Amino acid sequence: MDSQRRTGRQAWEWKRTSALTPGDRIPFSLTAGRFGIEGQFRDGYLVGAMLGDGGMTSCTPEFHGDPLDGAVQFMRKFAAENGCGLREIPQGSIVRLRFPFRAGRRNPITDRLRHFGVWGQRCEEKRLPEFWLSRDFWIGCLSGLIDTDGCVRERVNPRGVVHGSVEFATVSPWLATQVSDILLRLGVANRVRLDQRRKKKVHSVNGYDVVSRRPIHIVEISRATALVRLAGLLDLRIGYKSSKLKRLVNIVGHVAPARSEMHGYDESVALDRVKSISVPWVQRVYGVSVNPSGLFVVNGIVTGAVPESAAVASGQ
């Protein structure tokens, strides 16, 4: 693969994955622009929002949110359009939406969630559908996830420069990895980090206090060009998040891609450094043929199904 040393000879050169060292800079493609045709934006938003603030482990699906925000309004409208029952239970500043069965009919929301394979998932086991779906579906899904379990942050560094990030947090490591991969397929550079600084949660079981703690996996988009690209994709329904993202993009949108460092690479390619290298096991490597794009995501890197790329993928 193509790489560049941190010190010494700075020219780009081809080398085997086994020859990389920590600090080497490598390019990776940001896009794998082939998607399926099944699923609409609304289907994706339903799946994303329910994975974020929904309940899908009892007989009746539920959703929790601010009664005045766009996510709850979307759920109300979706239930009405699909002939589903709706019961609203106020709980302080939020409302609990329940979508009960109607007599003699199957629950259409449960059916949609079952169709996409997310019904019945518990918080630490949540994951996205794993079959061929449309680009609009994935944009809707990301919009629903960030509306519910995401945040938009704006910061000022010690030099007074404003920057920020969009973050999605989950206790499911698989869901975090999938969200990162979908963002990469849509051309949005990101990173996944682990936050274990959580307060203890104490609950009572059979008279005993039980302390549980789960690390949080955070998908973070912080590069200026990635934030601009993300803002052009998402359709957030929660007003304050949408307006905050627009403000952030207006602040950082003037930052151009670091083309002087790319040495010929275009905006669809980003650069990153090798952080660490480990060889936990030795196993047989297979070539993969993927149609129609010939591209697939391996450990957060969009790569191709040619022999050299297969070698790169096996070494990540």
Foldseek 3Di string as FASTA:
>chain_A
DWKAAQDDDGDIDDDFLVPDDFRIKDKFFQALQDFFADDALLLLLLLQQCLFAWDQADPWIKGKDQCPFQSVVSVVVVCVVVVWDWDWDDDPRMIMITTDDDPPDDGVSNVSCVVQPQHNDDQQRGAGRDDGHDLNSNLSNVQNQCLRQKAKFWDADPVRAIFTKIKGKGLHPRRLQVNLFSLSNLRAHKDKDKAQPDDWDWDDDPRDTDTDGGIMIMIMGTDLVNLLSSLVRHDHGGPVRNVSSVVNNVRSVVDDPPVVVVVPDDSSMDMDTRRHFDDPDDDDFDFDADPDRQWDDARSGIFGRDPSRSSVSVRD
